[in-house]
Amino acid sequence: MSRDLTLCQAVHDPLIALMRKADGIGTPEFATFLISAADHYRVSELESLQRRRVDQFYRMIGAGDIHMPKPRETARDVPKHVVKGPIWDLC
């Protein structure tokens, strides 16, 4: 059974430490690199998830699974109980 190392385990792993030492990379620099790589991966995964959800939403609308109300034409179409105030009394 294989599993990925956590960031903490990767920073303190003795074999990785030997490779870092051979490459002249210190522990703080390596930790910063791992954190920035994890942040980049997280952002790209969130963007991918958002694109998939948007695609799925539009496919569902196209298939008729979701019925969207028609957009309102003017401010007069907004029911009085939704928005109150002096500006809406003029409409």
N, C-alpha and C. Protein backbone atom coordinates (compact mmCIF):
# COMPACT_ATOMS: atom_id res chain seq x y z
N MET A 1 0.85 -1.17 0.00
CA MET A 1 0.00 0.00 0.00
C MET A 1 0.90 1.24 0.00
N SER A 2 0.67 2.13 -0.96
CA SER A 2 1.48 3.34 -1.01
C SER A 2 0.62 4.54 -0.64
N ARG A 3 1.26 5.54 -0.07
CA ARG A 3 0.56 6.78 0.25
C ARG A 3 1.55 7.92 0.12
N ASP A 4 1.02 9.10 -0.11
CA ASP A 4 1.86 10.28 -0.27
C ASP A 4 2.33 10.78 1.09
N LEU A 5 3.49 11.42 1.09
CA LEU A 5 4.00 12.04 2.31
C LEU A 5 3.27 13.34 2.56
N THR A 6 3.10 13.68 3.82
CA THR A 6 2.59 15.00 4.16
C THR A 6 3.72 16.00 3.95
N LEU A 7 3.40 17.29 3.97
CA LEU A 7 4.45 18.30 3.82
C LEU A 7 5.50 18.18 4.92
N CYS A 8 5.03 17.97 6.14
CA CYS A 8 5.94 17.85 7.29
C CYS A 8 6.85 16.63 7.12
N GLN A 9 6.27 15.51 6.69
CA GLN A 9 7.07 14.30 6.50
C GLN A 9 8.10 14.49 5.38
N ALA A 10 7.71 15.18 4.31
CA ALA A 10 8.63 15.40 3.20
C ALA A 10 9.80 16.29 3.62
N VAL A 11 9.51 17.30 4.43
CA VAL A 11 10.57 18.21 4.88
C VAL A 11 11.56 17.49 5.78
N HIS A 12 11.09 16.55 6.59
CA HIS A 12 11.95 15.88 7.57
C HIS A 12 12.41 14.48 7.13
N ASP A 13 12.07 14.06 5.93
CA ASP A 13 12.48 12.74 5.44
C ASP A 13 13.99 12.71 5.23
N PRO A 14 14.70 11.68 5.77
CA PRO A 14 16.16 11.64 5.68
C PRO A 14 16.68 11.49 4.24
N LEU A 15 16.01 10.71 3.40
CA LEU A 15 16.46 10.54 2.02
C LEU A 15 16.30 11.84 1.23
N ILE A 16 15.17 12.50 1.43
CA ILE A 16 14.96 13.79 0.77
C ILE A 16 15.96 14.81 1.29
N ALA A 17 16.28 14.74 2.58
CA ALA A 17 17.27 15.66 3.17
C ALA A 17 18.64 15.49 2.51
N LEU A 18 19.02 14.24 2.22
CA LEU A 18 20.30 13.99 1.53
C LEU A 18 20.29 14.60 0.13
N MET A 19 19.19 14.44 -0.59
CA MET A 19 19.10 15.01 -1.94
C MET A 19 19.11 16.53 -1.89
N ARG A 20 18.41 17.10 -0.90
CA ARG A 20 18.41 18.56 -0.74
C ARG A 20 19.81 19.08 -0.47
N LYS A 21 20.52 18.36 0.40
CA LYS A 21 21.88 18.77 0.76
C LYS A 21 22.79 18.71 -0.47
N ALA A 22 22.64 17.65 -1.27
CA ALA A 22 23.46 17.53 -2.49
C ALA A 22 23.14 18.65 -3.48
N ASP A 23 21.90 19.10 -3.50
CA ASP A 23 21.50 20.18 -4.41
C ASP A 23 21.69 21.57 -3.81
N GLY A 24 22.08 21.62 -2.53
CA GLY A 24 22.30 22.90 -1.87
C GLY A 24 21.02 23.64 -1.52
N ILE A 25 19.96 22.90 -1.25
CA ILE A 25 18.67 23.51 -0.89
C ILE A 25 18.44 23.33 0.60
N GLY A 26 18.24 24.42 1.30
CA GLY A 26 18.01 24.37 2.74
C GLY A 26 16.58 23.96 3.08
N THR A 27 16.38 23.61 4.34
CA THR A 27 15.05 23.19 4.81
C THR A 27 14.01 24.29 4.64
N PRO A 28 14.28 25.54 5.03
CA PRO A 28 13.25 26.58 4.87
C PRO A 28 12.86 26.80 3.40
N GLU A 29 13.86 26.80 2.51
CA GLU A 29 13.57 26.99 1.08
C GLU A 29 12.73 25.84 0.54
N PHE A 30 13.05 24.62 0.96
CA PHE A 30 12.31 23.45 0.49
C PHE A 30 10.87 23.49 1.01
N ALA A 31 10.70 23.86 2.28
CA ALA A 31 9.36 23.96 2.85
C ALA A 31 8.54 25.03 2.12
N THR A 32 9.17 26.17 1.83
CA THR A 32 8.49 27.24 1.10
C THR A 32 8.09 26.77 -0.29
N PHE A 33 8.99 26.04 -0.95
CA PHE A 33 8.70 25.50 -2.28
C PHE A 33 7.50 24.55 -2.23
N LEU A 34 7.48 23.65 -1.26
CA LEU A 34 6.38 22.69 -1.15
C LEU A 34 5.05 23.39 -0.88
N ILE A 35 5.07 24.38 -0.01
CA ILE A 35 3.84 25.11 0.31
C ILE A 35 3.33 25.86 -0.91
N SER A 36 4.24 26.51 -1.64
CA SER A 36 3.80 27.25 -2.83
C SER A 36 3.29 26.30 -3.91
N ALA A 37 3.91 25.13 -4.05
CA ALA A 37 3.42 24.14 -5.02
C ALA A 37 2.04 23.62 -4.62
N ALA A 38 1.83 23.40 -3.33
CA ALA A 38 0.52 22.95 -2.85
C ALA A 38 -0.54 24.01 -3.09
N ASP A 39 -0.19 25.28 -2.86
CA ASP A 39 -1.13 26.38 -3.11
C ASP A 39 -1.50 26.45 -4.59
N HIS A 40 -0.50 26.32 -5.46
CA HIS A 40 -0.75 26.36 -6.90
C HIS A 40 -1.66 25.21 -7.32
N TYR A 41 -1.40 24.02 -6.80
CA TYR A 41 -2.22 22.86 -7.12
C TYR A 41 -3.66 23.07 -6.64
N ARG A 42 -3.81 23.58 -5.43
CA ARG A 42 -5.14 23.81 -4.86
C ARG A 42 -5.94 24.78 -5.71
N VAL A 43 -5.31 25.88 -6.12
CA VAL A 43 -5.99 26.89 -6.95
C VAL A 43 -6.40 26.28 -8.29
N SER A 44 -5.50 25.52 -8.91
CA SER A 44 -5.83 24.93 -10.21
C SER A 44 -6.95 23.90 -10.08
N GLU A 45 -6.99 23.16 -8.98
CA GLU A 45 -8.08 22.21 -8.77
C GLU A 45 -9.40 22.92 -8.55
N LEU A 46 -9.40 24.04 -7.82
CA LEU A 46 -10.63 24.81 -7.61
C LEU A 46 -11.14 25.39 -8.92
N GLU A 47 -10.23 25.90 -9.75
CA GLU A 47 -10.64 26.43 -11.05
C GLU A 47 -11.22 25.33 -11.93
N SER A 48 -10.61 24.16 -11.89
CA SER A 48 -11.11 23.03 -12.67
C SER A 48 -12.49 22.61 -12.18
N LEU A 49 -12.68 22.57 -10.87
CA LEU A 49 -13.98 22.21 -10.30
C LEU A 49 -15.03 23.23 -10.72
N GLN A 50 -14.67 24.50 -10.68
CA GLN A 50 -15.62 25.54 -11.08
C GLN A 50 -16.01 25.38 -12.55
N ARG A 51 -15.04 25.11 -13.43
CA ARG A 51 -15.36 24.91 -14.85
C ARG A 51 -16.28 23.72 -15.04
N ARG A 52 -16.01 22.62 -14.32
CA ARG A 52 -16.87 21.43 -14.45
C ARG A 52 -18.29 21.72 -13.99
N ARG A 53 -18.42 22.47 -12.89
CA ARG A 53 -19.76 22.80 -12.38
C ARG A 53 -20.51 23.71 -13.34
N VAL A 54 -19.82 24.69 -13.91
CA VAL A 54 -20.46 25.59 -14.88
C VAL A 54 -20.90 24.79 -16.10
N ASP A 55 -20.03 23.92 -16.61
CA ASP A 55 -20.39 23.09 -17.76
C ASP A 55 -21.60 22.23 -17.46
N GLN A 56 -21.61 21.61 -16.29
CA GLN A 56 -22.73 20.76 -15.90
C GLN A 56 -24.02 21.58 -15.79
N PHE A 57 -23.93 22.77 -15.22
CA PHE A 57 -25.10 23.64 -15.08
C PHE A 57 -25.70 23.96 -16.45
N TYR A 58 -24.85 24.36 -17.41
CA TYR A 58 -25.36 24.71 -18.73
C TYR A 58 -25.87 23.49 -19.49
N ARG A 59 -25.27 22.34 -19.28
CA ARG A 59 -25.81 21.12 -19.90
C ARG A 59 -27.19 20.80 -19.35
N MET A 60 -27.37 21.00 -18.03
CA MET A 60 -28.67 20.73 -17.42
C MET A 60 -29.73 21.70 -17.93
N ILE A 61 -29.36 22.96 -18.11
CA ILE A 61 -30.31 23.93 -18.66
C ILE A 61 -30.68 23.54 -20.08
N GLY A 62 -29.67 23.18 -20.87
CA GLY A 62 -29.91 22.79 -22.27
C GLY A 62 -30.77 21.55 -22.38
N ALA A 63 -30.65 20.64 -21.42
CA ALA A 63 -31.44 19.41 -21.44
C ALA A 63 -32.83 19.63 -20.88
N GLY A 64 -33.08 20.81 -20.32
CA GLY A 64 -34.39 21.08 -19.75
C GLY A 64 -34.56 20.57 -18.34
N ASP A 65 -33.47 20.13 -17.71
CA ASP A 65 -33.56 19.64 -16.33
C ASP A 65 -33.73 20.78 -15.34
N ILE A 66 -33.27 21.98 -15.71
CA ILE A 66 -33.42 23.15 -14.85
C ILE A 66 -34.21 24.19 -15.64
N HIS A 67 -35.23 24.71 -15.03
CA HIS A 67 -36.04 25.74 -15.69
C HIS A 67 -35.73 27.08 -15.04
N MET A 68 -35.18 27.98 -15.82
CA MET A 68 -34.82 29.30 -15.33
C MET A 68 -35.96 30.27 -15.62
N PRO A 69 -36.33 31.11 -14.65
CA PRO A 69 -37.36 32.11 -14.92
C PRO A 69 -36.85 33.14 -15.94
N LYS A 70 -37.78 33.69 -16.70
CA LYS A 70 -37.40 34.72 -17.67
C LYS A 70 -36.89 35.95 -16.92
N PRO A 71 -35.88 36.63 -17.45
CA PRO A 71 -35.40 37.84 -16.78
C PRO A 71 -36.45 38.93 -16.83
N ARG A 72 -36.46 39.74 -15.80
CA ARG A 72 -37.42 40.85 -15.72
C ARG A 72 -36.99 41.94 -16.70
N GLU A 73 -37.97 42.54 -17.34
CA GLU A 73 -37.70 43.56 -18.35
C GLU A 73 -37.37 44.92 -17.73
N THR A 74 -38.15 45.33 -16.74
CA THR A 74 -37.96 46.67 -16.17
C THR A 74 -38.07 46.60 -14.67
N ALA A 75 -37.81 47.73 -14.04
CA ALA A 75 -37.93 47.81 -12.58
C ALA A 75 -39.39 47.65 -12.16
N ARG A 76 -40.34 47.98 -13.05
CA ARG A 76 -41.76 47.83 -12.71
C ARG A 76 -42.13 46.37 -12.48
N ASP A 77 -41.36 45.46 -13.07
CA ASP A 77 -41.66 44.04 -12.92
C ASP A 77 -41.29 43.51 -11.54
N VAL A 78 -40.53 44.27 -10.77
CA VAL A 78 -40.12 43.82 -9.43
C VAL A 78 -41.31 44.01 -8.49
N PRO A 79 -41.77 42.94 -7.84
CA PRO A 79 -42.90 43.07 -6.93
C PRO A 79 -42.58 44.06 -5.81
N LYS A 80 -43.59 44.82 -5.39
CA LYS A 80 -43.41 45.85 -4.36
C LYS A 80 -42.95 45.26 -3.03
N HIS A 81 -43.36 44.01 -2.73
CA HIS A 81 -42.97 43.43 -1.44
C HIS A 81 -41.50 43.01 -1.41
N VAL A 82 -40.86 42.92 -2.59
CA VAL A 82 -39.46 42.51 -2.65
C VAL A 82 -38.54 43.67 -2.25
N VAL A 83 -38.76 44.83 -2.84
CA VAL A 83 -37.91 45.99 -2.58
C VAL A 83 -38.79 47.14 -2.16
N LYS A 84 -38.49 47.72 -1.02
CA LYS A 84 -39.26 48.86 -0.52
C LYS A 84 -38.36 50.07 -0.46
N GLY A 85 -38.94 51.22 -0.61
CA GLY A 85 -38.16 52.44 -0.50
C GLY A 85 -38.71 53.49 -1.43
N PRO A 86 -38.29 54.73 -1.23
CA PRO A 86 -38.84 55.84 -2.00
C PRO A 86 -38.60 55.72 -3.50
N ILE A 87 -37.46 55.16 -3.91
CA ILE A 87 -37.20 55.07 -5.35
C ILE A 87 -38.17 54.10 -6.02
N TRP A 88 -38.56 53.04 -5.33
CA TRP A 88 -39.48 52.07 -5.92
C TRP A 88 -40.91 52.60 -5.95
N ASP A 89 -41.22 53.56 -5.10
CA ASP A 89 -42.56 54.16 -5.12
C ASP A 89 -42.77 54.99 -6.38
N LEU A 90 -41.68 55.44 -7.02
CA LEU A 90 -41.78 56.26 -8.23
C LEU A 90 -42.05 55.42 -9.46
N CYS A 91 -41.79 54.14 -9.39
CA CYS A 91 -41.93 53.28 -10.57
C CYS A 91 -43.39 53.00 -10.89
